[in-house]
Amino acid sequence: MLLIFHRSRHGSMAVEFAFMAPVLMLFVFGTVGFGIELAIASGLQQLAAEAARASVGGLSDSERANIVQSFVASHVAAYPFLDVRQLSVTTAPLTAPVAAYQVSLSYDLSSQVVGQFNRLIPALPTRLLRSAVVMTSNGL
């Protein structure tokens, strides 16, 4: 009786799949999560660069800050992976070596797929920070 079960190979594929399915799912979800994080980082950098370019039209630092805030609020919807509630904007004038203006965007990843992986891999970042700088005057 035991010889019949020993020679039978009917269920071996199901058992192999049961062993390999969790590994395959981990690779698939990890790839998707990394792709989402990469899309967020790319969109964040593009938005920071566009907001910094828009700030050049301001005459004072406070006017530039208002331009950047309104630009980011009105254009963040163009980036499908960015959520305005997870985004924070900081601006600062720079003086050395040339007069410039810096726009920094910080994005909280805790509500994203990648943020959920922090329980498994604690080294993953919980915030993305991207900055862009434009010269305001006396450039060169």
C-alpha atoms as a PDB file:
ATOM      1  CA  MET A   1       0.000   0.000   0.000  1.00  0.00           C
ATOM      2  CA  LEU A   2       2.774   2.449   0.883  1.00  0.00           C
ATOM      3  CA  LEU A   3       4.575   1.637  -2.365  1.00  0.00           C
ATOM      4  CA  ILE A   4       1.657   3.057  -4.345  1.00  0.00           C
ATOM      5  CA  PHE A   5       1.924   6.402  -2.538  1.00  0.00           C
ATOM      6  CA  HIS A   6       5.692   6.422  -2.867  1.00  0.00           C
ATOM      7  CA  ARG A   7       5.592   6.020  -6.668  1.00  0.00           C
ATOM      8  CA  SER A   8       2.713   8.432  -7.251  1.00  0.00           C
ATOM      9  CA  ARG A   9       3.766  11.899  -8.546  1.00  0.00           C
ATOM     10  CA  HIS A  10       0.293  13.447  -8.982  1.00  0.00           C
ATOM     11  CA  GLY A  11       0.531  15.954  -6.128  1.00  0.00           C
ATOM     12  CA  SER A  12       4.195  16.874  -6.435  1.00  0.00           C
ATOM     13  CA  MET A  13       3.527  19.939  -8.591  1.00  0.00           C
ATOM     14  CA  ALA A  14       1.044  21.320  -6.081  1.00  0.00           C
ATOM     15  CA  VAL A  15       3.512  20.851  -3.258  1.00  0.00           C
ATOM     16  CA  GLU A  16       6.312  22.539  -5.234  1.00  0.00           C
ATOM     17  CA  PHE A  17       4.013  25.441  -6.057  1.00  0.00           C
ATOM     18  CA  ALA A  18       3.075  25.771  -2.377  1.00  0.00           C
ATOM     19  CA  PHE A  19       6.758  26.138  -1.535  1.00  0.00           C
ATOM     20  CA  MET A  20       7.572  28.588  -4.331  1.00  0.00           C
ATOM     21  CA  ALA A  21       4.418  30.762  -4.362  1.00  0.00           C
ATOM     22  CA  PRO A  22       5.345  32.896  -1.312  1.00  0.00           C
ATOM     23  CA  VAL A  23       8.787  33.628  -2.769  1.00  0.00           C
ATOM     24  CA  LEU A  24       7.292  34.506  -6.145  1.00  0.00           C
ATOM     25  CA  MET A  25       4.693  36.767  -4.529  1.00  0.00           C
ATOM     26  CA  LEU A  26       7.398  38.521  -2.495  1.00  0.00           C
ATOM     27  CA  PHE A  27       9.371  39.263  -5.668  1.00  0.00           C
ATOM     28  CA  VAL A  28       6.294  40.530  -7.529  1.00  0.00           C
ATOM     29  CA  PHE A  29       5.078  42.786  -4.705  1.00  0.00           C
ATOM     30  CA  GLY A  30       8.614  44.004  -4.023  1.00  0.00           C
ATOM     31  CA  THR A  31       9.051  44.963  -7.666  1.00  0.00           C
ATOM     32  CA  VAL A  32       5.726  46.782  -7.741  1.00  0.00           C
ATOM     33  CA  GLY A  33       6.523  48.571  -4.479  1.00  0.00           C
ATOM     34  CA  PHE A  34       9.942  49.648  -5.719  1.00  0.00           C
ATOM     35  CA  GLY A  35       8.386  50.888  -8.972  1.00  0.00           C
ATOM     36  CA  ILE A  36       5.879  52.989  -7.035  1.00  0.00           C
ATOM     37  CA  GLU A  37       8.647  54.473  -4.873  1.00  0.00           C
ATOM     38  CA  LEU A  38      10.683  55.262  -7.977  1.00  0.00           C
ATOM     39  CA  ALA A  39       7.665  56.968  -9.596  1.00  0.00           C
ATOM     40  CA  ILE A  40       7.092  59.020  -6.434  1.00  0.00           C
ATOM     41  CA  ALA A  41      10.768  60.069  -6.279  1.00  0.00           C
ATOM     42  CA  SER A  42      10.805  61.031  -9.944  1.00  0.00           C
ATOM     43  CA  GLY A  43       7.558  63.001  -9.679  1.00  0.00           C
ATOM     44  CA  LEU A  44       8.768  64.724  -6.520  1.00  0.00           C
ATOM     45  CA  GLN A  45      12.001  65.831  -8.190  1.00  0.00           C
ATOM     46  CA  GLN A  46      10.158  67.064 -11.276  1.00  0.00           C
ATOM     47  CA  LEU A  47       7.653  69.005  -9.168  1.00  0.00           C
ATOM     48  CA  ALA A  48      10.455  70.580  -7.102  1.00  0.00           C
ATOM     49  CA  ALA A  49      12.302  71.647 -10.257  1.00  0.00           C
ATOM     50  CA  GLU A  50       9.167  73.145 -11.818  1.00  0.00           C
ATOM     51  CA  ALA A  51       8.261  74.982  -8.606  1.00  0.00           C
ATOM     52  CA  ALA A  52      11.796  76.373  -8.328  1.00  0.00           C
ATOM     53  CA  ARG A  53      11.609  77.640 -11.910  1.00  0.00           C
ATOM     54  CA  ALA A  54       8.240  79.240 -11.184  1.00  0.00           C
ATOM     55  CA  SER A  55       9.687  81.013  -8.131  1.00  0.00           C
ATOM     56  CA  VAL A  56      12.022  83.083 -10.299  1.00  0.00           C
ATOM     57  CA  GLY A  57       9.113  85.432 -11.065  1.00  0.00           C
ATOM     58  CA  GLY A  58       8.931  86.620  -7.455  1.00  0.00           C
ATOM     59  CA  LEU A  59      10.526  89.900  -6.370  1.00  0.00           C
ATOM     60  CA  SER A  60      10.979  89.025  -2.684  1.00  0.00           C
ATOM     61  CA  ASP A  61      11.517  85.826  -0.708  1.00  0.00           C
ATOM     62  CA  SER A  62       7.978  85.899   0.697  1.00  0.00           C
ATOM     63  CA  GLU A  63       6.511  86.339  -2.788  1.00  0.00           C
ATOM     64  CA  ARG A  64       8.649  83.462  -4.062  1.00  0.00           C
ATOM     65  CA  ALA A  65       7.438  81.267  -1.189  1.00  0.00           C
ATOM     66  CA  ASN A  66       3.809  82.084  -2.053  1.00  0.00           C
ATOM     67  CA  ILE A  67       4.428  81.325  -5.729  1.00  0.00           C
ATOM     68  CA  VAL A  68       5.982  77.964  -4.842  1.00  0.00           C
ATOM     69  CA  GLN A  69       3.158  77.015  -2.444  1.00  0.00           C
ATOM     70  CA  SER A  70       0.440  77.855  -4.974  1.00  0.00           C
ATOM     71  CA  PHE A  71       2.344  76.176  -7.818  1.00  0.00           C
ATOM     72  CA  VAL A  72       2.758  72.926  -5.892  1.00  0.00           C
ATOM     73  CA  ALA A  73      -0.881  72.938  -4.740  1.00  0.00           C
ATOM     74  CA  SER A  74      -2.180  73.463  -8.264  1.00  0.00           C
ATOM     75  CA  HIS A  75       0.176  71.048 -10.060  1.00  0.00           C
ATOM     76  CA  VAL A  76       0.479  68.092  -7.672  1.00  0.00           C
ATOM     77  CA  ALA A  77      -2.611  66.498  -9.231  1.00  0.00           C
ATOM     78  CA  ALA A  78      -0.642  65.974 -12.457  1.00  0.00           C
ATOM     79  CA  TYR A  79       1.466  63.340 -10.677  1.00  0.00           C
ATOM     80  CA  PRO A  80      -0.692  60.255 -10.061  1.00  0.00           C
ATOM     81  CA  PHE A  81       1.401  58.746  -7.256  1.00  0.00           C
ATOM     82  CA  LEU A  82       1.699  61.952  -5.203  1.00  0.00           C
ATOM     83  CA  ASP A  83      -0.828  62.687  -2.475  1.00  0.00           C
ATOM     84  CA  VAL A  84      -0.976  66.337  -1.414  1.00  0.00           C
ATOM     85  CA  ARG A  85      -1.698  65.308   2.204  1.00  0.00           C
ATOM     86  CA  GLN A  86       1.675  63.518   2.429  1.00  0.00           C
ATOM     87  CA  LEU A  87       3.631  66.405   0.879  1.00  0.00           C
ATOM     88  CA  SER A  88       5.380  69.257   2.682  1.00  0.00           C
ATOM     89  CA  VAL A  89       7.076  72.228   1.011  1.00  0.00           C
ATOM     90  CA  THR A  90       9.962  74.308   2.365  1.00  0.00           C
ATOM     91  CA  THR A  91      11.666  77.219   0.660  1.00  0.00           C
ATOM     92  CA  ALA A  92      14.828  79.103   1.536  1.00  0.00           C
ATOM     93  CA  PRO A  93      16.986  81.803  -0.007  1.00  0.00           C
ATOM     94  CA  LEU A  94      20.653  80.937  -0.505  1.00  0.00           C
ATOM     95  CA  THR A  95      23.391  83.549  -0.624  1.00  0.00           C
ATOM     96  CA  ALA A  96      26.735  81.815  -1.086  1.00  0.00           C
ATOM     97  CA  PRO A  97      28.390  81.558  -3.576  1.00  0.00           C
ATOM     98  CA  VAL A  98      25.619  83.214  -5.674  1.00  0.00           C
ATOM     99  CA  ALA A  99      22.130  84.461  -4.908  1.00  0.00           C
ATOM    100  CA  ALA A 100      19.801  81.505  -5.340  1.00  0.00           C
ATOM    101  CA  TYR A 101      16.502  80.099  -4.099  1.00  0.00           C
ATOM    102  CA  GLN A 102      15.976  76.522  -2.898  1.00  0.00           C
ATOM    103  CA  VAL A 103      12.720  74.584  -3.015  1.00  0.00           C
ATOM    104  CA  SER A 104      12.560  71.334  -1.022  1.00  0.00           C
ATOM    105  CA  LEU A 105       9.724  68.833  -1.116  1.00  0.00           C
ATOM    106  CA  SER A 106       9.360  66.135   1.517  1.00  0.00           C
ATOM    107  CA  TYR A 107       7.005  63.187   1.049  1.00  0.00           C
ATOM    108  CA  ASP A 108       5.835  60.760   3.743  1.00  0.00           C
ATOM    109  CA  LEU A 109       5.952  57.167   2.469  1.00  0.00           C
ATOM    110  CA  SER A 110       4.232  55.553   5.458  1.00  0.00           C
ATOM    111  CA  SER A 111       0.876  55.268   3.681  1.00  0.00           C
ATOM    112  CA  GLN A 112       2.402  53.832   0.494  1.00  0.00           C
ATOM    113  CA  VAL A 113       3.127  50.187  -0.307  1.00  0.00           C
ATOM    114  CA  VAL A 114       6.823  50.768   0.360  1.00  0.00           C
ATOM    115  CA  GLY A 115       6.051  52.175   3.801  1.00  0.00           C
ATOM    116  CA  GLN A 116       4.391  48.893   4.720  1.00  0.00           C
ATOM    117  CA  PHE A 117       7.640  47.030   3.970  1.00  0.00           C
ATOM    118  CA  ASN A 118       9.349  48.924   6.819  1.00  0.00           C
ATOM    119  CA  ARG A 119       8.115  46.272   9.217  1.00  0.00           C
ATOM    120  CA  LEU A 120      10.061  43.659   7.254  1.00  0.00           C
ATOM    121  CA  ILE A 121      13.073  45.740   6.191  1.00  0.00           C
ATOM    122  CA  PRO A 122      13.680  48.593   8.660  1.00  0.00           C
ATOM    123  CA  ALA A 123      16.409  50.194   6.507  1.00  0.00           C
ATOM    124  CA  LEU A 124      13.904  51.513   3.946  1.00  0.00           C
ATOM    125  CA  PRO A 125      13.312  55.289   4.074  1.00  0.00           C
ATOM    126  CA  THR A 126      10.053  56.613   5.511  1.00  0.00           C
ATOM    127  CA  ARG A 127      10.437  60.053   3.876  1.00  0.00           C
ATOM    128  CA  LEU A 128      11.674  61.161   0.485  1.00  0.00           C
ATOM    129  CA  LEU A 129      13.332  64.566   0.219  1.00  0.00           C
ATOM    130  CA  ARG A 130      13.989  66.226  -3.130  1.00  0.00           C
ATOM    131  CA  SER A 131      15.331  69.749  -3.706  1.00  0.00           C
ATOM    132  CA  ALA A 132      15.895  72.125  -6.602  1.00  0.00           C
ATOM    133  CA  VAL A 133      17.876  75.365  -6.669  1.00  0.00           C
ATOM    134  CA  VAL A 134      17.606  78.271  -9.116  1.00  0.00           C
ATOM    135  CA  MET A 135      19.734  81.391  -9.355  1.00  0.00           C
ATOM    136  CA  THR A 136      17.725  84.534  -8.633  1.00  0.00           C
ATOM    137  CA  SER A 137      20.131  87.363  -9.484  1.00  0.00           C
ATOM    138  CA  ASN A 138      23.806  88.040 -10.015  1.00  0.00           C
ATOM    139  CA  GLY A 139      24.125  84.588 -11.572  1.00  0.00           C
ATOM    140  CA  LEU A 140      27.435  83.444 -13.101  1.00  0.00           C
END
